[in-house]
Amino acid sequence: MIARLQGTLVASALDRIEVMTAGGLAYEVLVPLSVLETLPRVGGEVALHTAMVVREDAWLLYGFASAEERRLFQRLMGTTGVGPALAMNLLSTLTGERLVRAVRDGDLATLTQVPRVGKKLAERLVLELRDKLDGTGVEGAAPAGKAPAPSGPGADAVRALVALGYAPVDAEKAVKVALEDAPKGDSTADLIRRSLAAVKK
């Protein structure tokens, strides 16, 4: 089992990165938006807490900014009907802090904002996870002083800008500016165009 991974960022895409270790091995790591937002530029150093998921057709490595976020991912996967892809979707659409709060409060409205999460699954998340999330601190909380990341179409726009080569921090700032001026009912494509205009200013 690979519990931590440290090395040089050699590639970044919408939901995954490649990390080259000092030994010359390159690992493909699936990551949530919270990791993409804080990545350095290609060539920079990264350190991740990781979890491996073994399937019949593949061994998949998932990376997280903190041990708490990894633990939340593992607990999400322990919920009936939640696999690794949906667990990552939950962590990318909501911050870990918002997700934990929604589960503890039984906030179905927030949980059903996540694509592929309907009312029944939201209720199951609350039922099966509420007691497991008790403890000191909030699992998966954003770093101190960090503003909440965009979610929903905003998260999609951030991923799109990162895929185009913009630094995650710059992409998030541009999307937040675009969201402030976005008219009601604005499509994701319109938001991406507005974000591109903002990042070029």
Protein backbone atom coordinates (compact mmCIF):
# COMPACT_ATOMS: atom_id res chain seq x y z
CA MET A 1 0.00 0.00 0.00
CA ILE A 2 1.26 3.47 -0.93
CA ALA A 3 0.33 5.83 1.91
CA ARG A 4 2.22 8.95 0.82
CA LEU A 5 3.75 10.18 -2.41
CA GLN A 6 6.28 12.95 -2.87
CA GLY A 7 7.95 14.09 -6.05
CA THR A 8 7.91 16.45 -9.02
CA LEU A 9 4.69 17.39 -10.78
CA VAL A 10 5.16 16.44 -14.44
CA ALA A 11 1.58 16.68 -15.76
CA SER A 12 -1.87 17.89 -14.71
CA ALA A 13 -5.31 17.23 -16.21
CA LEU A 14 -8.97 17.67 -15.21
CA ASP A 15 -8.99 15.07 -12.45
CA ARG A 16 -5.51 13.58 -12.28
CA ILE A 17 -1.84 14.42 -12.12
CA GLU A 18 1.46 12.66 -12.77
CA VAL A 19 4.17 12.73 -10.12
CA MET A 20 7.78 11.70 -10.76
CA THR A 21 9.56 10.37 -7.69
CA ALA A 22 13.26 10.72 -6.93
CA GLY A 23 13.67 7.10 -8.01
CA GLY A 24 12.48 7.93 -11.52
CA LEU A 25 9.03 6.34 -11.29
CA ALA A 26 6.05 8.35 -12.52
CA TYR A 27 2.70 7.77 -10.81
CA GLU A 28 -0.69 8.75 -12.16
CA VAL A 29 -2.79 10.01 -9.25
CA LEU A 30 -6.51 10.81 -9.31
CA VAL A 31 -7.15 13.92 -7.23
CA PRO A 32 -10.11 16.05 -6.05
CA LEU A 33 -10.44 19.74 -6.82
CA SER A 34 -8.96 20.64 -3.42
CA VAL A 35 -5.63 19.24 -4.62
CA LEU A 36 -5.81 20.74 -8.12
CA GLU A 37 -6.36 24.18 -6.59
CA THR A 38 -3.13 24.10 -4.61
CA LEU A 39 -0.78 22.51 -7.14
CA PRO A 40 2.43 24.27 -8.09
CA ARG A 41 3.28 24.73 -11.74
CA VAL A 42 4.63 21.72 -13.62
CA GLY A 43 8.14 21.11 -12.32
CA GLY A 44 7.24 21.98 -8.74
CA GLU A 45 7.31 19.62 -5.78
CA VAL A 46 4.16 17.95 -4.48
CA ALA A 47 3.45 15.77 -1.45
CA LEU A 48 0.20 13.82 -1.15
CA HIS A 49 -1.53 11.44 1.22
CA THR A 50 -2.68 8.55 -0.94
CA ALA A 51 -5.14 5.67 -1.01
CA MET A 52 -5.02 2.75 -3.43
CA VAL A 53 -8.14 1.14 -4.84
CA VAL A 54 -7.61 -2.27 -6.44
CA ARG A 55 -10.05 -3.40 -9.13
CA GLU A 56 -10.01 -6.44 -11.39
CA ASP A 57 -8.88 -4.36 -14.35
CA ALA A 58 -6.77 -1.66 -12.69
CA TRP A 59 -4.94 -0.41 -9.60
CA LEU A 60 -5.91 3.21 -9.02
CA LEU A 61 -4.06 5.67 -6.81
CA TYR A 62 -5.97 8.59 -5.25
CA GLY A 63 -4.21 11.60 -3.75
CA PHE A 64 -5.30 14.06 -1.07
CA ALA A 65 -4.00 17.23 0.54
CA SER A 66 -4.33 15.84 4.08
CA ALA A 67 -4.74 12.61 5.99
CA GLU A 68 -8.17 13.84 7.12
CA GLU A 69 -9.35 14.28 3.54
CA ARG A 70 -8.11 10.78 2.69
CA ARG A 71 -9.95 9.35 5.69
CA LEU A 72 -13.15 11.09 4.60
CA PHE A 73 -12.74 9.58 1.11
CA GLN A 74 -12.37 6.11 2.62
CA ARG A 75 -15.43 6.58 4.80
CA LEU A 76 -17.46 7.78 1.85
CA MET A 77 -16.53 4.61 -0.02
CA GLY A 78 -17.80 2.61 2.93
CA THR A 79 -21.29 3.96 2.26
CA THR A 80 -23.70 1.74 0.34
CA GLY A 81 -23.81 2.79 -3.30
CA VAL A 82 -20.71 5.02 -3.17
CA GLY A 83 -17.65 4.02 -5.17
CA PRO A 84 -14.36 5.89 -5.57
CA ALA A 85 -15.57 7.99 -8.52
CA LEU A 86 -18.62 9.26 -6.64
CA ALA A 87 -16.58 9.81 -3.47
CA MET A 88 -14.18 12.01 -5.46
CA ASN A 89 -17.14 13.82 -7.02
CA LEU A 90 -18.48 14.60 -3.54
CA LEU A 91 -15.11 15.93 -2.39
CA SER A 92 -14.65 18.03 -5.53
CA THR A 93 -18.13 19.57 -5.60
CA LEU A 94 -18.24 20.33 -1.87
CA THR A 95 -15.26 21.13 0.32
CA GLY A 96 -14.57 18.49 2.95
CA GLU A 97 -15.78 20.93 5.59
CA ARG A 98 -19.10 21.58 3.83
CA LEU A 99 -19.60 17.88 3.17
CA VAL A 100 -19.04 16.90 6.80
CA ARG A 101 -21.31 19.70 8.01
CA ALA A 102 -24.06 18.69 5.57
CA VAL A 103 -23.91 15.07 6.73
CA ARG A 104 -23.94 16.00 10.41
CA ASP A 105 -26.81 18.46 9.94
CA GLY A 106 -28.81 16.19 7.66
CA ASP A 107 -28.68 18.92 5.00
CA LEU A 108 -30.11 17.05 2.01
CA ALA A 109 -30.36 20.23 -0.09
CA THR A 110 -26.59 20.68 -0.01
CA LEU A 111 -25.83 17.01 -0.62
CA THR A 112 -28.14 16.81 -3.63
CA GLN A 113 -26.26 19.68 -5.29
CA VAL A 114 -23.63 17.08 -6.13
CA PRO A 115 -24.12 15.47 -9.56
CA ARG A 116 -25.35 11.85 -9.32
CA VAL A 117 -26.51 12.33 -5.72
CA GLY A 118 -30.29 12.12 -5.42
CA LYS A 119 -32.45 12.36 -2.34
CA LYS A 120 -32.22 8.65 -1.51
CA LEU A 121 -28.43 8.57 -1.68
CA ALA A 122 -28.21 11.81 0.31
CA GLU A 123 -30.38 10.25 3.02
CA ARG A 124 -28.16 7.16 3.02
CA LEU A 125 -25.04 9.29 3.42
CA VAL A 126 -26.56 10.98 6.44
CA LEU A 127 -27.79 7.71 7.94
CA GLU A 128 -24.56 5.76 7.50
CA LEU A 129 -21.96 8.50 8.04
CA ARG A 130 -23.34 10.88 10.64
CA ASP A 131 -22.08 8.93 13.66
CA LYS A 132 -18.76 8.09 11.98
CA LEU A 133 -17.84 11.74 11.51
CA ASP A 134 -17.98 12.64 15.18
CA GLY A 135 -14.67 13.62 16.72
CA THR A 136 -12.31 16.52 17.16
CA GLY A 137 -11.81 18.80 14.19
CA VAL A 138 -13.53 18.71 10.84
CA GLU A 139 -12.34 16.07 8.44
CA GLY A 140 -11.33 17.40 5.09
CA ALA A 141 -11.49 21.04 6.17
CA ALA A 142 -9.90 23.61 3.90
CA PRO A 143 -6.56 25.07 5.06
CA ALA A 144 -6.84 27.94 7.56
CA GLY A 145 -7.45 31.27 5.89
CA LYS A 146 -8.44 29.71 2.57
CA ALA A 147 -11.73 30.87 1.06
CA PRO A 148 -14.24 28.19 0.06
CA ALA A 149 -13.59 26.85 -3.44
CA PRO A 150 -16.14 27.23 -6.22
CA SER A 151 -18.53 24.30 -6.54
CA GLY A 152 -20.83 23.03 -9.30
CA PRO A 153 -20.27 24.90 -12.62
CA GLY A 154 -17.55 26.94 -10.90
CA ALA A 155 -15.60 23.77 -10.12
CA ASP A 156 -15.97 22.66 -13.76
CA ALA A 157 -14.64 26.02 -14.92
CA VAL A 158 -11.62 25.78 -12.60
CA ARG A 159 -10.82 22.31 -13.98
CA ALA A 160 -11.12 23.59 -17.54
CA LEU A 161 -8.67 26.44 -16.91
CA VAL A 162 -6.21 24.13 -15.16
CA ALA A 163 -6.39 21.75 -18.14
CA LEU A 164 -5.54 24.70 -20.40
CA GLY A 165 -2.34 25.25 -18.43
CA TYR A 166 -3.30 27.97 -15.96
CA ALA A 167 -2.06 27.66 -12.39
CA PRO A 168 -4.84 26.34 -10.10
CA VAL A 169 -4.66 29.41 -7.85
CA ASP A 170 -5.01 31.76 -10.85
CA ALA A 171 -7.84 29.65 -12.28
CA GLU A 172 -9.79 29.74 -9.02
CA LYS A 173 -9.38 33.51 -8.68
CA ALA A 174 -10.57 34.07 -12.25
CA VAL A 175 -13.61 31.84 -11.78
CA LYS A 176 -14.57 33.61 -8.56
CA VAL A 177 -14.42 36.96 -10.38
CA ALA A 178 -16.51 35.53 -13.22
CA LEU A 179 -19.07 34.11 -10.80
CA GLU A 180 -19.60 37.54 -9.22
CA ASP A 181 -20.75 38.96 -12.57
CA ALA A 182 -22.45 35.85 -13.95
CA PRO A 183 -26.13 36.34 -14.87
CA LYS A 184 -28.68 33.89 -13.52
CA GLY A 185 -28.86 30.73 -15.62
CA ASP A 186 -25.38 31.24 -17.11
CA SER A 187 -24.10 28.00 -18.67
CA THR A 188 -20.82 26.35 -17.73
CA ALA A 189 -19.45 27.19 -21.19
CA ASP A 190 -20.31 30.88 -20.68
CA LEU A 191 -18.69 30.81 -17.26
CA ILE A 192 -15.50 29.32 -18.72
CA ARG A 193 -15.37 32.04 -21.39
CA ARG A 194 -15.90 34.73 -18.76
CA SER A 195 -13.21 33.16 -16.57
CA LEU A 196 -10.74 33.10 -19.46
CA ALA A 197 -11.35 36.80 -20.00
CA ALA A 198 -10.76 37.46 -16.29
CA VAL A 199 -7.54 35.47 -16.08
CA LYS A 200 -6.08 37.35 -19.06
CA LYS A 201 -6.62 40.79 -17.48
